[in-house]
Amino acid sequence: VSGEQLFADVAKDILLYVSRDLSDKSGGFYSAEDADSVPASGGPEKKEGGADKMEKREGAFCVWTAAEVRDLFPEAVEGSSGATQADVFMHHYGVKELGNVDPEQ
C-alpha cells in the first residue's frame, strides 16, 4: 500500500513465520510459542536423566529492564517537557524502574 519495500519485506517475513511456526495442521493458528528459556543469570542447575542441565523458566527472555527500554527509546517526545519515548512506553505498559517481576522468577 505504501510502496515501501521495507514494509513489504517485514510483512512477508511475518507471514512466513506464522505459516511455518504458528500454523496447526487443522488450519488454525497458535497464539504463541513455548517461552521456556534459561534466564540470563544462568539459573540453578538440576539433574535430569543423570546429566546437569540449566533450569529453564517461563519467559526468561521476555523480561526487559527499565534501562534496556531507555536505551531502545532515547528520543525526546516532540512538544513535551523533556519526556522521552521510553517514558511514554514505560507509562503505557506499567514498566517500573526497579522491575515488575521478581528476579528469582
C-alpha atoms as a PDB file:
ATOM      1  CA  VAL A   1       0.000   0.000   0.000  1.00  0.00           C
ATOM      2  CA  SER A   2       2.779   2.447   0.933  1.00  0.00           C
ATOM      3  CA  GLY A   3       5.134   1.401  -1.851  1.00  0.00           C
ATOM      4  CA  GLU A   4       7.957   0.955   0.710  1.00  0.00           C
ATOM      5  CA  GLN A   5       9.891  -2.269   0.061  1.00  0.00           C
ATOM      6  CA  LEU A   6      10.925  -2.483   3.736  1.00  0.00           C
ATOM      7  CA  PHE A   7       7.286  -2.713   4.821  1.00  0.00           C
ATOM      8  CA  ALA A   8       6.593  -5.396   2.216  1.00  0.00           C
ATOM      9  CA  ASP A   9       9.631  -7.386   3.381  1.00  0.00           C
ATOM     10  CA  VAL A  10       8.558  -7.183   7.037  1.00  0.00           C
ATOM     11  CA  ALA A  11       5.011  -8.295   6.171  1.00  0.00           C
ATOM     12  CA  LYS A  12       6.346 -11.228   4.129  1.00  0.00           C
ATOM     13  CA  ASP A  13       8.664 -12.272   6.989  1.00  0.00           C
ATOM     14  CA  ILE A  14       5.784 -12.201   9.471  1.00  0.00           C
ATOM     15  CA  LEU A  15       3.507 -14.215   7.190  1.00  0.00           C
ATOM     16  CA  LEU A  16       6.263 -16.768   6.582  1.00  0.00           C
ATOM     17  CA  TYR A  17       6.861 -17.117  10.343  1.00  0.00           C
ATOM     18  CA  VAL A  18       3.151 -17.525  11.098  1.00  0.00           C
ATOM     19  CA  SER A  19       2.616 -20.058   8.335  1.00  0.00           C
ATOM     20  CA  ARG A  20       5.776 -22.007   9.215  1.00  0.00           C
ATOM     21  CA  ASP A  21       5.807 -21.890  13.035  1.00  0.00           C
ATOM     22  CA  LEU A  22       2.341 -20.930  14.279  1.00  0.00           C
ATOM     23  CA  SER A  23       0.060 -22.893  11.957  1.00  0.00           C
ATOM     24  CA  ASP A  24      -1.780 -26.025  13.059  1.00  0.00           C
ATOM     25  CA  LYS A  25      -2.369 -28.936  10.664  1.00  0.00           C
ATOM     26  CA  SER A  26      -6.132 -28.484  11.079  1.00  0.00           C
ATOM     27  CA  GLY A  27      -5.963 -24.971   9.628  1.00  0.00           C
ATOM     28  CA  GLY A  28      -5.911 -22.852  12.775  1.00  0.00           C
ATOM     29  CA  PHE A  29      -3.124 -20.791  14.293  1.00  0.00           C
ATOM     30  CA  TYR A  30      -1.330 -20.924  17.627  1.00  0.00           C
ATOM     31  CA  SER A  31      -1.174 -17.674  19.580  1.00  0.00           C
ATOM     32  CA  ALA A  32       2.359 -18.200  20.920  1.00  0.00           C
ATOM     33  CA  GLU A  33       5.341 -20.489  21.101  1.00  0.00           C
ATOM     34  CA  ASP A  34       6.711 -22.024  24.295  1.00  0.00           C
ATOM     35  CA  ALA A  35       8.606 -19.289  26.152  1.00  0.00           C
ATOM     36  CA  ASP A  36      10.650 -21.531  28.457  1.00  0.00           C
ATOM     37  CA  SER A  37      14.253 -20.374  28.356  1.00  0.00           C
ATOM     38  CA  VAL A  38      17.364 -20.223  30.530  1.00  0.00           C
ATOM     39  CA  PRO A  39      17.498 -16.884  32.395  1.00  0.00           C
ATOM     40  CA  ALA A  40      20.376 -14.535  31.533  1.00  0.00           C
ATOM     41  CA  SER A  41      21.810 -15.139  35.004  1.00  0.00           C
ATOM     42  CA  GLY A  42      22.106 -18.830  34.125  1.00  0.00           C
ATOM     43  CA  GLY A  43      19.712 -20.132  36.736  1.00  0.00           C
ATOM     44  CA  PRO A  44      20.221 -23.096  39.008  1.00  0.00           C
ATOM     45  CA  GLU A  45      21.358 -26.400  37.588  1.00  0.00           C
ATOM     46  CA  LYS A  46      19.294 -29.522  38.057  1.00  0.00           C
ATOM     47  CA  LYS A  47      19.928 -33.186  37.389  1.00  0.00           C
ATOM     48  CA  GLU A  48      17.854 -34.578  34.566  1.00  0.00           C
ATOM     49  CA  GLY A  49      18.445 -38.138  33.396  1.00  0.00           C
ATOM     50  CA  GLY A  50      21.849 -38.163  35.020  1.00  0.00           C
ATOM     51  CA  ALA A  51      23.025 -35.007  33.222  1.00  0.00           C
ATOM     52  CA  ASP A  52      23.326 -31.481  34.548  1.00  0.00           C
ATOM     53  CA  LYS A  53      21.019 -29.051  32.762  1.00  0.00           C
ATOM     54  CA  MET A  54      20.335 -25.380  33.293  1.00  0.00           C
ATOM     55  CA  GLU A  55      16.854 -24.918  34.706  1.00  0.00           C
ATOM     56  CA  LYS A  56      14.524 -23.238  32.242  1.00  0.00           C
ATOM     57  CA  ARG A  57      11.901 -20.792  33.356  1.00  0.00           C
ATOM     58  CA  GLU A  58       8.803 -19.465  31.650  1.00  0.00           C
ATOM     59  CA  GLY A  59       9.511 -16.310  29.645  1.00  0.00           C
ATOM     60  CA  ALA A  60      13.061 -15.613  30.838  1.00  0.00           C
ATOM     61  CA  PHE A  61      13.888 -13.796  27.595  1.00  0.00           C
ATOM     62  CA  CYS A  62      10.635 -11.839  27.607  1.00  0.00           C
ATOM     63  CA  VAL A  63      11.649  -9.615  30.530  1.00  0.00           C
ATOM     64  CA  TRP A  64      13.152  -6.178  29.859  1.00  0.00           C
ATOM     65  CA  THR A  65      14.773  -3.868  32.379  1.00  0.00           C
ATOM     66  CA  ALA A  66      13.880  -0.192  32.565  1.00  0.00           C
ATOM     67  CA  ALA A  67      17.456   0.598  31.457  1.00  0.00           C
ATOM     68  CA  GLU A  68      17.039  -1.570  28.339  1.00  0.00           C
ATOM     69  CA  VAL A  69      13.790   0.216  27.463  1.00  0.00           C
ATOM     70  CA  ARG A  70      15.501   3.595  27.943  1.00  0.00           C
ATOM     71  CA  ASP A  71      18.383   2.503  25.692  1.00  0.00           C
ATOM     72  CA  LEU A  72      15.938   1.438  22.965  1.00  0.00           C
ATOM     73  CA  PHE A  73      13.769   4.583  23.054  1.00  0.00           C
ATOM     74  CA  PRO A  74      16.029   7.536  23.951  1.00  0.00           C
ATOM     75  CA  GLU A  75      14.423  10.073  21.605  1.00  0.00           C
ATOM     76  CA  ALA A  76      12.632  13.064  23.089  1.00  0.00           C
ATOM     77  CA  VAL A  77       8.885  13.374  22.507  1.00  0.00           C
ATOM     78  CA  GLU A  78       8.191  16.473  20.463  1.00  0.00           C
ATOM     79  CA  GLY A  79       6.171  19.084  22.316  1.00  0.00           C
ATOM     80  CA  SER A  80       6.784  17.540  25.748  1.00  0.00           C
ATOM     81  CA  SER A  81       8.754  18.970  28.645  1.00  0.00           C
ATOM     82  CA  GLY A  82      11.691  16.578  28.286  1.00  0.00           C
ATOM     83  CA  ALA A  83       9.818  13.261  28.159  1.00  0.00           C
ATOM     84  CA  THR A  84      11.360  10.517  26.049  1.00  0.00           C
ATOM     85  CA  GLN A  85       9.695   7.794  24.015  1.00  0.00           C
ATOM     86  CA  ALA A  86      10.855   5.423  26.783  1.00  0.00           C
ATOM     87  CA  ASP A  87       8.924   7.452  29.367  1.00  0.00           C
ATOM     88  CA  VAL A  88       5.750   7.152  27.279  1.00  0.00           C
ATOM     89  CA  PHE A  89       6.299   3.422  26.675  1.00  0.00           C
ATOM     90  CA  MET A  90       7.026   2.723  30.351  1.00  0.00           C
ATOM     91  CA  HIS A  91       3.971   4.671  31.488  1.00  0.00           C
ATOM     92  CA  HIS A  92       1.690   2.969  28.965  1.00  0.00           C
ATOM     93  CA  TYR A  93       2.912  -0.562  29.784  1.00  0.00           C
ATOM     94  CA  GLY A  94       3.479  -0.028  33.518  1.00  0.00           C
ATOM     95  CA  VAL A  95       7.246  -0.634  33.443  1.00  0.00           C
ATOM     96  CA  LYS A  96       8.688   0.102  36.882  1.00  0.00           C
ATOM     97  CA  GLU A  97      12.256   1.341  37.455  1.00  0.00           C
ATOM     98  CA  LEU A  98      13.008  -1.496  39.873  1.00  0.00           C
ATOM     99  CA  GLY A  99      11.214  -4.082  37.752  1.00  0.00           C
ATOM    100  CA  ASN A 100       7.799  -5.680  37.542  1.00  0.00           C
ATOM    101  CA  VAL A 101       8.992  -9.251  38.017  1.00  0.00           C
ATOM    102  CA  ASP A 102      10.918 -10.754  40.898  1.00  0.00           C
ATOM    103  CA  PRO A 103      14.405 -11.567  39.511  1.00  0.00           C
ATOM    104  CA  GLU A 104      14.111 -15.061  41.034  1.00  0.00           C
ATOM    105  CA  GLN A 105      11.178 -15.783  38.709  1.00  0.00           C
END
